[in-house]
Amino acid sequence: MIEPLEALKSGFREEPYASLFGIELLEIEPGRALVRMLPSEDLRNLFGAMHGGAIFSLIDAAFEAAANSHGTVAVALNVGVNYVNPASFEDALFAEAREVSRSRRISTYHIQARDEKGIIIATCQATAYRKDDPLPLL
């Protein structure tokens, strides 16, 4: 049987939505994930900055990987994002999700999106509902 973390790594490489944004899973361990998104002209908003939806997608990818890292399906209940700095198109963006708490049914995460210089672009608090279903990738 394949391990949950290895299953997530291989599954993430094949996820069509993450591929649209060029999001890569760099690191994963139980309750923690680090993802990266390279700058792309397709991700600019009307004002020439990184679109907030692209930043949200990066954050959500880190949340998805961290919340599902225990081997059972976890789905989002709530995701609250605060955008604190604009993202430059000169730098890759990184989002790291860290588990704050986990019970049988509910888990919470703190997620930060940063640029290559370490400047915080957005912060996030997210809550997941933990189902009993094993990851379909296993």
Protein backbone atom coordinates (compact mmCIF):
# COMPACT_ATOMS: atom_id res chain seq x y z
CA MET A 1 0.00 0.00 0.00
CA ILE A 2 1.26 3.46 -0.88
CA GLU A 3 1.84 5.89 2.01
CA PRO A 4 -0.47 8.96 2.23
CA LEU A 5 2.36 11.48 1.83
CA GLU A 6 3.75 9.74 -1.25
CA ALA A 7 0.24 9.47 -2.69
CA LEU A 8 -0.32 13.19 -2.20
CA LYS A 9 3.03 14.04 -3.83
CA SER A 10 2.24 12.05 -6.95
CA GLY A 11 -1.41 13.10 -7.05
CA PHE A 12 -0.52 16.76 -6.67
CA ARG A 13 1.75 16.59 -9.75
CA GLU A 14 -1.26 15.44 -11.77
CA GLU A 15 -3.90 17.80 -10.39
CA PRO A 16 -5.22 19.87 -13.32
CA TYR A 17 -6.21 22.94 -11.26
CA ALA A 18 -2.78 23.30 -9.61
CA SER A 19 -1.18 22.87 -13.03
CA LEU A 20 -3.18 25.81 -14.40
CA PHE A 21 -1.48 28.06 -11.85
CA GLY A 22 1.91 26.36 -11.96
CA ILE A 23 1.61 25.35 -8.30
CA GLU A 24 4.11 22.76 -7.10
CA LEU A 25 4.19 20.80 -3.85
CA LEU A 26 7.70 21.25 -2.43
CA GLU A 27 7.42 19.71 1.03
CA ILE A 28 4.86 17.68 2.91
CA GLU A 29 4.71 16.02 6.30
CA PRO A 30 1.79 15.22 8.61
CA GLY A 31 -0.07 18.48 9.21
CA ARG A 32 2.31 20.66 7.16
CA ALA A 33 2.81 21.51 3.49
CA LEU A 34 4.86 23.99 1.47
CA VAL A 35 3.87 24.92 -2.10
CA ARG A 36 5.30 27.29 -4.72
CA MET A 37 3.83 29.27 -7.61
CA LEU A 38 6.06 30.88 -10.23
CA PRO A 39 5.11 34.31 -11.59
CA SER A 40 3.13 34.30 -14.83
CA GLU A 41 1.67 37.09 -16.96
CA ASP A 42 -1.60 35.13 -16.98
CA LEU A 43 -1.97 35.74 -13.23
CA ARG A 44 -1.93 39.55 -13.36
CA ASN A 45 -4.98 41.51 -12.28
CA LEU A 46 -6.36 44.70 -13.81
CA PHE A 47 -3.80 46.78 -11.89
CA GLY A 48 -0.72 44.77 -12.85
CA ALA A 49 -0.34 42.93 -9.55
CA MET A 50 -0.76 39.23 -8.82
CA HIS A 51 -4.48 38.46 -8.86
CA GLY A 52 -5.94 37.75 -5.41
CA GLY A 53 -7.63 34.64 -6.79
CA ALA A 54 -4.25 33.22 -7.80
CA ILE A 55 -2.88 33.91 -4.31
CA PHE A 56 -5.96 32.27 -2.81
CA SER A 57 -5.39 29.22 -5.04
CA LEU A 58 -1.81 28.97 -3.80
CA ILE A 59 -2.98 29.15 -0.17
CA ASP A 60 -5.74 26.63 -0.82
CA ALA A 61 -3.25 24.18 -2.36
CA ALA A 62 -1.10 24.29 0.79
CA PHE A 63 -4.24 23.83 2.91
CA GLU A 64 -5.40 20.90 0.75
CA ALA A 65 -2.09 19.08 1.08
CA ALA A 66 -1.67 19.67 4.82
CA ALA A 67 -5.27 18.79 5.71
CA ASN A 68 -5.19 15.55 3.72
CA SER A 69 -1.72 14.53 4.89
CA HIS A 70 -3.07 12.15 7.54
CA GLY A 71 -4.48 9.76 4.94
CA THR A 72 -8.19 10.50 5.13
CA VAL A 73 -10.22 12.97 3.09
CA ALA A 74 -10.51 16.45 4.60
CA VAL A 75 -12.66 19.16 3.03
CA ALA A 76 -12.73 22.89 3.66
CA LEU A 77 -15.34 24.30 6.03
CA ASN A 78 -13.98 27.83 6.19
CA VAL A 79 -11.06 29.72 4.67
CA GLY A 80 -10.41 33.33 5.73
CA VAL A 81 -7.66 35.21 3.91
CA ASN A 82 -6.14 38.59 4.73
CA TYR A 83 -4.10 40.15 1.91
CA VAL A 84 -1.41 42.32 3.49
CA ASN A 85 1.05 43.17 0.66
CA PRO A 86 0.93 43.12 -3.12
CA ALA A 87 2.86 40.33 -4.81
CA SER A 88 5.61 41.27 -7.25
CA PHE A 89 5.94 39.47 -10.57
CA GLU A 90 9.67 39.21 -10.08
CA ASP A 91 9.42 36.56 -7.35
CA ALA A 92 7.96 33.12 -6.91
CA LEU A 93 5.37 32.89 -4.16
CA PHE A 94 5.34 30.26 -1.43
CA ALA A 95 2.53 29.20 0.88
CA GLU A 96 3.09 27.14 3.99
CA ALA A 97 0.22 25.52 5.87
CA ARG A 98 0.72 24.38 9.46
CA GLU A 99 -1.79 22.42 11.47
CA VAL A 100 -2.83 24.23 14.64
CA SER A 101 -5.24 21.63 16.02
CA ARG A 102 -6.79 18.34 14.94
CA SER A 103 -9.58 16.25 16.37
CA ARG A 104 -11.37 13.29 14.84
CA ARG A 105 -13.64 15.58 12.77
CA ILE A 106 -12.19 19.10 12.72
CA SER A 107 -8.72 20.47 12.04
CA THR A 108 -7.49 24.05 11.83
CA TYR A 109 -4.56 25.53 9.94
CA HIS A 110 -2.55 28.71 9.81
CA ILE A 111 -1.26 29.50 6.33
CA GLN A 112 1.11 32.22 5.17
CA ALA A 113 1.92 33.22 1.60
CA ARG A 114 5.34 34.85 1.18
CA ASP A 115 7.52 36.00 -1.66
CA GLU A 116 11.14 34.94 -2.20
CA LYS A 117 12.33 37.79 0.03
CA GLY A 118 10.21 36.49 2.90
CA ILE A 119 7.68 39.33 2.72
CA ILE A 120 4.25 38.18 3.85
CA ILE A 121 1.73 38.58 1.05
CA ALA A 122 -1.29 37.02 2.78
CA THR A 123 -2.24 35.19 5.96
CA CYS A 124 -5.00 32.67 6.38
CA GLN A 125 -6.91 30.72 9.01
CA ALA A 126 -8.64 27.64 7.61
CA THR A 127 -10.84 24.90 9.05
CA ALA A 128 -11.33 21.43 7.58
CA TYR A 129 -13.91 18.72 8.18
CA ARG A 130 -12.21 15.34 8.44
CA LYS A 131 -14.17 12.51 6.84
CA ASP A 132 -13.65 8.81 7.51
CA ASP A 133 -12.97 8.10 3.82
CA PRO A 134 -9.42 7.11 2.92
CA LEU A 135 -7.72 9.26 0.27
CA PRO A 136 -8.79 8.00 -3.16
CA LEU A 137 -5.11 8.15 -4.18
CA LEU A 138 -4.24 5.27 -1.83
